[in-house]
N, C-alpha and C. Protein backbone atom coordinates (compact mmCIF):
# COMPACT_ATOMS: atom_id res chain seq x y z
N MET A 1 -14.61 -13.56 31.52
CA MET A 1 -15.24 -12.33 31.98
C MET A 1 -14.92 -11.20 31.02
N PHE A 2 -15.88 -10.32 30.87
CA PHE A 2 -15.69 -9.11 30.08
C PHE A 2 -16.25 -7.94 30.87
N ALA A 3 -15.44 -6.91 31.06
CA ALA A 3 -15.92 -5.72 31.77
C ALA A 3 -15.06 -4.52 31.41
N LEU A 4 -15.70 -3.37 31.35
CA LEU A 4 -15.04 -2.08 31.20
C LEU A 4 -15.57 -1.21 32.32
N THR A 5 -14.68 -0.75 33.18
CA THR A 5 -15.09 0.04 34.34
C THR A 5 -14.28 1.34 34.34
N ILE A 6 -14.98 2.45 34.47
CA ILE A 6 -14.32 3.75 34.52
C ILE A 6 -14.78 4.48 35.79
N SER A 7 -13.86 5.17 36.42
CA SER A 7 -14.21 5.93 37.62
C SER A 7 -15.03 7.14 37.23
N SER A 8 -15.92 7.54 38.08
CA SER A 8 -16.70 8.76 37.83
C SER A 8 -15.96 9.99 38.30
N ALA A 9 -15.03 9.78 39.22
CA ALA A 9 -14.27 10.91 39.78
C ALA A 9 -13.08 11.24 38.89
N LYS A 10 -13.00 12.49 38.50
CA LYS A 10 -11.88 12.96 37.70
C LYS A 10 -10.68 13.19 38.62
N GLN A 11 -9.52 12.72 38.18
CA GLN A 11 -8.29 12.89 38.94
C GLN A 11 -7.36 13.80 38.14
N ILE A 12 -6.50 14.51 38.84
CA ILE A 12 -5.56 15.43 38.19
C ILE A 12 -4.14 15.00 38.53
N GLU A 13 -3.30 14.93 37.49
CA GLU A 13 -1.88 14.65 37.70
C GLU A 13 -1.10 15.45 36.67
N ASP A 14 -0.12 16.18 37.14
CA ASP A 14 0.70 17.04 36.27
C ASP A 14 -0.18 18.00 35.45
N GLY A 15 -1.25 18.46 36.05
CA GLY A 15 -2.13 19.43 35.40
C GLY A 15 -3.09 18.84 34.38
N LEU A 16 -3.07 17.52 34.20
CA LEU A 16 -3.95 16.87 33.23
C LEU A 16 -5.00 16.03 33.96
N GLY A 17 -6.25 16.12 33.50
CA GLY A 17 -7.33 15.36 34.11
C GLY A 17 -7.51 14.01 33.44
N TYR A 18 -7.86 13.02 34.24
CA TYR A 18 -8.10 11.69 33.70
C TYR A 18 -9.07 10.93 34.61
N TYR A 19 -9.60 9.82 34.05
CA TYR A 19 -10.41 8.87 34.79
C TYR A 19 -9.64 7.55 34.84
N SER A 20 -9.78 6.81 35.92
CA SER A 20 -9.17 5.48 36.00
C SER A 20 -10.04 4.50 35.23
N LEU A 21 -9.38 3.58 34.53
CA LEU A 21 -10.07 2.60 33.70
C LEU A 21 -9.56 1.21 34.04
N GLU A 22 -10.46 0.25 34.08
CA GLU A 22 -10.08 -1.15 34.23
C GLU A 22 -10.81 -1.96 33.18
N ILE A 23 -10.06 -2.82 32.49
CA ILE A 23 -10.60 -3.67 31.44
C ILE A 23 -10.35 -5.11 31.83
N ALA A 24 -11.39 -5.94 31.74
CA ALA A 24 -11.26 -7.37 32.00
C ALA A 24 -11.61 -8.12 30.71
N LEU A 25 -10.67 -8.91 30.24
CA LEU A 25 -10.86 -9.74 29.04
C LEU A 25 -10.47 -11.17 29.42
N GLY A 26 -11.47 -11.97 29.74
CA GLY A 26 -11.18 -13.32 30.24
C GLY A 26 -10.43 -13.21 31.54
N GLN A 27 -9.27 -13.86 31.64
CA GLN A 27 -8.45 -13.80 32.85
C GLN A 27 -7.54 -12.57 32.88
N HIS A 28 -7.43 -11.87 31.76
CA HIS A 28 -6.55 -10.71 31.66
C HIS A 28 -7.22 -9.47 32.25
N ARG A 29 -6.47 -8.72 33.06
CA ARG A 29 -6.93 -7.44 33.61
C ARG A 29 -5.92 -6.37 33.23
N GLU A 30 -6.42 -5.24 32.84
CA GLU A 30 -5.53 -4.13 32.49
C GLU A 30 -6.09 -2.85 33.09
N SER A 31 -5.22 -2.08 33.72
CA SER A 31 -5.59 -0.78 34.26
C SER A 31 -4.97 0.29 33.38
N SER A 32 -5.69 1.36 33.20
CA SER A 32 -5.22 2.43 32.34
C SER A 32 -5.86 3.73 32.79
N ARG A 33 -5.67 4.76 31.99
CA ARG A 33 -6.28 6.06 32.24
C ARG A 33 -6.93 6.55 30.96
N CYS A 34 -8.05 7.24 31.13
CA CYS A 34 -8.74 7.88 30.01
C CYS A 34 -8.67 9.39 30.24
N SER A 35 -8.32 10.11 29.22
CA SER A 35 -8.26 11.56 29.32
C SER A 35 -9.65 12.13 29.58
N SER A 36 -9.73 13.07 30.49
CA SER A 36 -11.01 13.75 30.75
C SER A 36 -11.14 15.02 29.91
N SER A 37 -10.11 15.32 29.11
CA SER A 37 -10.16 16.55 28.31
C SER A 37 -10.97 16.37 27.03
N ILE A 38 -11.22 15.14 26.61
CA ILE A 38 -11.95 14.87 25.37
C ILE A 38 -13.39 14.49 25.65
N TRP A 39 -13.59 13.44 26.48
CA TRP A 39 -14.94 12.95 26.80
C TRP A 39 -15.12 12.90 28.31
N SER A 40 -16.36 12.92 28.73
CA SER A 40 -16.70 12.71 30.15
C SER A 40 -16.78 11.20 30.40
N ALA A 41 -16.80 10.80 31.67
CA ALA A 41 -16.96 9.38 32.01
C ALA A 41 -18.27 8.85 31.42
N LYS A 42 -19.31 9.65 31.45
CA LYS A 42 -20.60 9.24 30.89
C LYS A 42 -20.50 9.00 29.38
N GLN A 43 -19.74 9.81 28.68
CA GLN A 43 -19.57 9.63 27.23
C GLN A 43 -18.77 8.37 26.91
N TYR A 44 -17.74 8.07 27.72
CA TYR A 44 -17.02 6.81 27.53
C TYR A 44 -17.98 5.64 27.70
N ARG A 45 -18.74 5.64 28.77
CA ARG A 45 -19.68 4.54 29.01
C ARG A 45 -20.67 4.41 27.87
N HIS A 46 -21.14 5.53 27.35
CA HIS A 46 -22.09 5.50 26.24
C HIS A 46 -21.46 4.87 25.00
N GLN A 47 -20.23 5.24 24.69
CA GLN A 47 -19.54 4.67 23.53
C GLN A 47 -19.36 3.17 23.70
N TRP A 48 -18.99 2.73 24.87
CA TRP A 48 -18.79 1.30 25.11
C TRP A 48 -20.11 0.54 25.01
N ARG A 49 -21.17 1.17 25.45
CA ARG A 49 -22.50 0.53 25.35
C ARG A 49 -22.89 0.36 23.88
N LEU A 50 -22.67 1.39 23.07
CA LEU A 50 -22.98 1.30 21.64
C LEU A 50 -22.13 0.20 20.98
N ALA A 51 -20.86 0.14 21.33
CA ALA A 51 -19.98 -0.89 20.76
C ALA A 51 -20.44 -2.29 21.18
N THR A 52 -20.82 -2.44 22.44
CA THR A 52 -21.30 -3.73 22.93
C THR A 52 -22.57 -4.15 22.21
N ARG A 53 -23.49 -3.23 22.06
CA ARG A 53 -24.75 -3.53 21.37
C ARG A 53 -24.48 -3.96 19.93
N ARG A 54 -23.53 -3.29 19.29
CA ARG A 54 -23.19 -3.66 17.91
C ARG A 54 -22.62 -5.08 17.85
N LEU A 55 -21.77 -5.45 18.80
CA LEU A 55 -21.21 -6.80 18.82
C LEU A 55 -22.29 -7.86 18.97
N LEU A 56 -23.32 -7.55 19.73
CA LEU A 56 -24.39 -8.51 19.98
C LEU A 56 -25.41 -8.56 18.85
N SER A 57 -25.32 -7.64 17.90
CA SER A 57 -26.34 -7.52 16.86
C SER A 57 -26.21 -8.56 15.74
N SER A 58 -25.04 -9.16 15.59
CA SER A 58 -24.84 -10.07 14.45
C SER A 58 -23.71 -11.04 14.76
N PRO A 59 -23.79 -12.28 14.24
CA PRO A 59 -22.72 -13.26 14.47
C PRO A 59 -21.40 -12.88 13.79
N ARG A 60 -21.42 -11.88 12.90
CA ARG A 60 -20.19 -11.44 12.23
C ARG A 60 -19.94 -9.94 12.47
N ALA A 61 -20.39 -9.45 13.58
CA ALA A 61 -20.27 -8.02 13.89
C ALA A 61 -18.83 -7.65 14.20
N HIS A 62 -18.50 -6.39 13.99
CA HIS A 62 -17.22 -5.83 14.37
C HIS A 62 -17.43 -4.40 14.85
N THR A 63 -16.59 -4.00 15.77
CA THR A 63 -16.74 -2.69 16.40
C THR A 63 -15.41 -2.32 17.05
N ALA A 64 -15.41 -1.25 17.84
CA ALA A 64 -14.21 -0.87 18.60
C ALA A 64 -14.63 -0.18 19.88
N PHE A 65 -13.94 -0.51 20.94
CA PHE A 65 -14.06 0.20 22.21
C PHE A 65 -12.94 1.24 22.20
N VAL A 66 -13.27 2.48 22.49
CA VAL A 66 -12.33 3.57 22.30
C VAL A 66 -12.09 4.30 23.62
N THR A 67 -10.82 4.64 23.86
CA THR A 67 -10.47 5.52 24.98
C THR A 67 -9.52 6.59 24.46
N SER A 68 -9.57 7.74 25.08
CA SER A 68 -8.64 8.82 24.76
C SER A 68 -7.50 8.73 25.76
N VAL A 69 -6.29 8.63 25.26
CA VAL A 69 -5.15 8.42 26.15
C VAL A 69 -4.41 9.70 26.49
N GLY A 70 -4.85 10.82 25.95
CA GLY A 70 -4.21 12.08 26.28
C GLY A 70 -4.86 13.22 25.56
N PRO A 71 -4.51 14.44 25.92
CA PRO A 71 -5.09 15.59 25.25
C PRO A 71 -4.70 15.60 23.78
N GLY A 72 -5.52 16.20 22.99
CA GLY A 72 -5.24 16.24 21.56
C GLY A 72 -6.32 15.51 20.79
N ARG A 73 -6.52 15.94 19.59
CA ARG A 73 -7.64 15.46 18.78
C ARG A 73 -7.58 13.97 18.43
N ASN A 74 -6.41 13.43 18.18
CA ASN A 74 -6.33 12.05 17.70
C ASN A 74 -5.55 11.11 18.62
N ASN A 75 -5.52 11.41 19.88
CA ASN A 75 -4.77 10.59 20.82
C ASN A 75 -5.68 9.52 21.42
N PHE A 76 -6.11 8.58 20.58
CA PHE A 76 -7.05 7.56 21.01
C PHE A 76 -6.42 6.18 21.02
N GLU A 77 -6.91 5.35 21.90
CA GLU A 77 -6.55 3.94 21.91
C GLU A 77 -7.79 3.17 21.48
N TRP A 78 -7.61 2.30 20.50
CA TRP A 78 -8.73 1.52 19.93
C TRP A 78 -8.59 0.08 20.37
N TRP A 79 -9.71 -0.49 20.79
CA TRP A 79 -9.78 -1.90 21.14
C TRP A 79 -10.73 -2.55 20.13
N PRO A 80 -10.26 -2.84 18.91
CA PRO A 80 -11.14 -3.45 17.93
C PRO A 80 -11.64 -4.82 18.40
N ALA A 81 -12.90 -5.11 18.12
CA ALA A 81 -13.51 -6.38 18.49
C ALA A 81 -14.23 -6.95 17.28
N VAL A 82 -13.96 -8.22 17.00
CA VAL A 82 -14.58 -8.89 15.86
C VAL A 82 -15.24 -10.17 16.36
N ARG A 83 -16.50 -10.31 16.02
CA ARG A 83 -17.25 -11.48 16.44
C ARG A 83 -17.29 -12.51 15.31
N ALA A 84 -17.05 -13.76 15.68
CA ALA A 84 -17.19 -14.88 14.75
C ALA A 84 -18.04 -15.92 15.47
N GLY A 85 -19.34 -15.85 15.24
CA GLY A 85 -20.26 -16.77 15.91
C GLY A 85 -20.32 -16.49 17.40
N GLY A 86 -19.92 -17.49 18.20
CA GLY A 86 -19.99 -17.37 19.66
C GLY A 86 -18.73 -16.85 20.31
N ARG A 87 -17.72 -16.49 19.50
CA ARG A 87 -16.46 -15.97 20.05
C ARG A 87 -16.19 -14.57 19.55
N ILE A 88 -15.51 -13.81 20.38
CA ILE A 88 -15.14 -12.44 20.03
C ILE A 88 -13.64 -12.29 20.25
N LYS A 89 -12.97 -11.75 19.24
CA LYS A 89 -11.54 -11.46 19.34
C LYS A 89 -11.40 -9.96 19.59
N VAL A 90 -10.70 -9.61 20.67
CA VAL A 90 -10.46 -8.21 21.02
C VAL A 90 -8.96 -7.97 20.93
N THR A 91 -8.57 -6.93 20.23
CA THR A 91 -7.15 -6.57 20.12
C THR A 91 -6.94 -5.17 20.67
N ASN A 92 -5.70 -4.86 20.94
CA ASN A 92 -5.37 -3.56 21.51
C ASN A 92 -4.12 -3.02 20.85
N GLN A 93 -4.23 -1.78 20.41
CA GLN A 93 -3.05 -1.09 19.89
C GLN A 93 -3.37 0.40 19.85
N SER A 94 -2.43 1.22 20.30
CA SER A 94 -2.62 2.66 20.19
C SER A 94 -2.48 3.04 18.72
N LEU A 95 -3.48 3.68 18.19
CA LEU A 95 -3.51 3.98 16.77
C LEU A 95 -3.97 5.41 16.53
N TRP A 96 -3.63 5.92 15.38
CA TRP A 96 -4.08 7.23 14.94
C TRP A 96 -5.13 7.05 13.85
N LEU A 97 -5.96 8.04 13.67
CA LEU A 97 -6.91 8.01 12.56
C LEU A 97 -6.19 8.33 11.26
N ARG A 98 -6.73 7.85 10.13
CA ARG A 98 -6.15 8.16 8.82
C ARG A 98 -6.19 9.66 8.55
N THR A 99 -7.29 10.28 8.91
CA THR A 99 -7.48 11.70 8.64
C THR A 99 -7.42 12.46 9.96
N SER A 100 -6.41 13.28 10.12
CA SER A 100 -6.22 13.97 11.39
C SER A 100 -7.32 14.97 11.70
N SER A 101 -8.05 15.40 10.68
CA SER A 101 -9.09 16.40 10.92
C SER A 101 -10.42 15.77 11.35
N ARG A 102 -10.55 14.46 11.25
CA ARG A 102 -11.80 13.80 11.63
C ARG A 102 -11.97 13.83 13.14
N ARG A 103 -13.11 14.27 13.59
CA ARG A 103 -13.39 14.35 15.02
C ARG A 103 -14.04 13.05 15.47
N VAL A 104 -13.55 12.49 16.55
CA VAL A 104 -14.10 11.26 17.09
C VAL A 104 -15.12 11.62 18.15
N VAL A 105 -16.36 11.20 17.95
CA VAL A 105 -17.42 11.47 18.92
C VAL A 105 -17.94 10.13 19.45
N PRO A 106 -18.37 10.09 20.72
CA PRO A 106 -18.80 8.82 21.32
C PRO A 106 -19.90 8.12 20.53
N GLN A 107 -20.81 8.88 19.93
CA GLN A 107 -21.94 8.27 19.24
C GLN A 107 -21.55 7.52 17.98
N ARG A 108 -20.34 7.79 17.43
CA ARG A 108 -19.95 7.14 16.18
C ARG A 108 -18.60 6.44 16.24
N ALA A 109 -17.93 6.47 17.38
CA ALA A 109 -16.58 5.91 17.47
C ALA A 109 -16.53 4.42 17.20
N HIS A 110 -17.63 3.71 17.43
CA HIS A 110 -17.64 2.26 17.27
C HIS A 110 -17.91 1.82 15.83
N LEU A 111 -18.22 2.76 14.95
CA LEU A 111 -18.59 2.42 13.58
C LEU A 111 -17.37 2.10 12.71
N GLU A 112 -17.60 1.32 11.69
CA GLU A 112 -16.52 0.84 10.83
C GLU A 112 -15.79 1.95 10.11
N ARG A 113 -16.44 3.07 9.83
CA ARG A 113 -15.77 4.09 9.02
C ARG A 113 -14.60 4.75 9.74
N HIS A 114 -14.52 4.55 11.04
CA HIS A 114 -13.33 5.01 11.77
C HIS A 114 -12.32 3.88 11.71
N LYS A 115 -11.48 3.91 10.70
CA LYS A 115 -10.47 2.86 10.54
C LYS A 115 -9.12 3.41 10.95
N PRO A 116 -8.64 3.09 12.14
CA PRO A 116 -7.34 3.60 12.56
C PRO A 116 -6.21 2.90 11.82
N VAL A 117 -5.09 3.58 11.73
CA VAL A 117 -3.87 3.00 11.15
C VAL A 117 -2.72 3.29 12.11
N SER A 118 -1.64 2.55 11.96
CA SER A 118 -0.48 2.78 12.82
C SER A 118 0.11 4.16 12.56
N ARG A 119 0.82 4.66 13.54
CA ARG A 119 1.40 6.00 13.42
C ARG A 119 2.35 6.09 12.25
N THR A 120 3.17 5.10 12.07
CA THR A 120 4.01 5.02 10.88
C THR A 120 3.97 3.57 10.40
N LEU A 121 4.03 3.39 9.11
CA LEU A 121 4.00 2.05 8.57
C LEU A 121 5.23 1.24 8.98
N LYS A 122 6.34 1.91 9.25
CA LYS A 122 7.57 1.21 9.65
C LYS A 122 7.46 0.63 11.05
N SER A 123 6.60 1.20 11.88
CA SER A 123 6.53 0.77 13.27
C SER A 123 5.35 -0.16 13.55
N LEU A 124 4.91 -0.88 12.54
CA LEU A 124 3.80 -1.81 12.76
C LEU A 124 4.20 -2.84 13.81
N GLN A 125 3.31 -3.07 14.72
CA GLN A 125 3.54 -4.06 15.76
C GLN A 125 2.34 -4.99 15.79
N MET A 126 2.56 -6.18 16.24
CA MET A 126 1.45 -7.10 16.42
C MET A 126 0.71 -6.70 17.68
N PRO A 127 -0.58 -6.42 17.56
CA PRO A 127 -1.33 -6.06 18.77
C PRO A 127 -1.57 -7.28 19.64
N SER A 128 -1.80 -7.05 20.91
CA SER A 128 -2.21 -8.12 21.81
C SER A 128 -3.61 -8.55 21.42
N ALA A 129 -3.94 -9.81 21.64
CA ALA A 129 -5.28 -10.32 21.29
C ALA A 129 -5.80 -11.22 22.39
N TRP A 130 -7.10 -11.11 22.65
CA TRP A 130 -7.79 -11.94 23.62
C TRP A 130 -9.05 -12.47 22.99
N TYR A 131 -9.47 -13.66 23.39
CA TYR A 131 -10.71 -14.25 22.90
C TYR A 131 -11.66 -14.41 24.07
N ILE A 132 -12.87 -13.94 23.88
CA ILE A 132 -13.89 -14.06 24.91
C ILE A 132 -15.16 -14.63 24.30
N ASN A 133 -16.02 -15.16 25.13
CA ASN A 133 -17.27 -15.75 24.69
C ASN A 133 -18.34 -14.67 24.59
N VAL A 134 -19.22 -14.78 23.62
CA VAL A 134 -20.31 -13.81 23.44
C VAL A 134 -21.15 -13.70 24.70
N ARG A 135 -21.34 -14.81 25.41
CA ARG A 135 -22.15 -14.78 26.65
C ARG A 135 -21.58 -13.80 27.67
N GLU A 136 -20.24 -13.68 27.71
CA GLU A 136 -19.61 -12.75 28.64
C GLU A 136 -19.97 -11.30 28.29
N VAL A 137 -20.00 -11.00 27.01
CA VAL A 137 -20.37 -9.65 26.55
C VAL A 137 -21.85 -9.41 26.81
N GLN A 138 -22.68 -10.43 26.60
CA GLN A 138 -24.12 -10.29 26.89
C GLN A 138 -24.34 -9.98 28.36
N CYS A 139 -23.61 -10.67 29.23
CA CYS A 139 -23.75 -10.42 30.68
C CYS A 139 -23.35 -8.98 31.02
N PHE A 140 -22.27 -8.50 30.44
CA PHE A 140 -21.83 -7.12 30.66
C PHE A 140 -22.92 -6.15 30.20
N TYR A 141 -23.47 -6.39 29.03
CA TYR A 141 -24.50 -5.52 28.47
C TYR A 141 -25.75 -5.50 29.36
N LEU A 142 -26.16 -6.66 29.82
CA LEU A 142 -27.35 -6.75 30.68
C LEU A 142 -27.13 -6.10 32.04
N ARG A 143 -25.92 -6.25 32.59
CA ARG A 143 -25.62 -5.59 33.87
C ARG A 143 -25.71 -4.09 33.72
N ARG A 144 -25.18 -3.55 32.63
CA ARG A 144 -25.19 -2.11 32.39
C ARG A 144 -26.60 -1.63 32.07
N ASN A 145 -27.42 -2.50 31.52
CA ASN A 145 -28.79 -2.13 31.19
C ASN A 145 -29.64 -1.97 32.44
N ASP A 146 -29.32 -2.77 33.48
CA ASP A 146 -30.07 -2.70 34.73
C ASP A 146 -29.66 -1.51 35.59
N ALA A 147 -28.43 -1.07 35.42
CA ALA A 147 -27.91 0.01 36.28
C ALA A 147 -28.52 1.35 35.96
């Protein structure tokens, strides 16, 4: 299974607004929060739709699903996805952009030119990785297309 679900209702905690997020990658489920100070729930959904469409466009496509994890210009979490034929590898790691002045917008966040790097080269960690079938992503895309 593949799914990205975000609440439409903004919640406030410690003076900061966020949306609840749930990600399903095969049998793995992860709950998180997306900052509401950067993008709206509609903008998150739009970015994920663009990333999904890009993955389905080619047997060797690559993209990223992006969430903002807190206030600030570069506080993003990237879920890079690489397709190899009928399988897609999705990884997760909180990363910073190479150029702190670059603004991340939903319409372009999935494009290759946004290449995140670790916060410091000394703290490189192996990201978590999941493998999903392209059919699962197609089902997600079609469900969102009907809604």
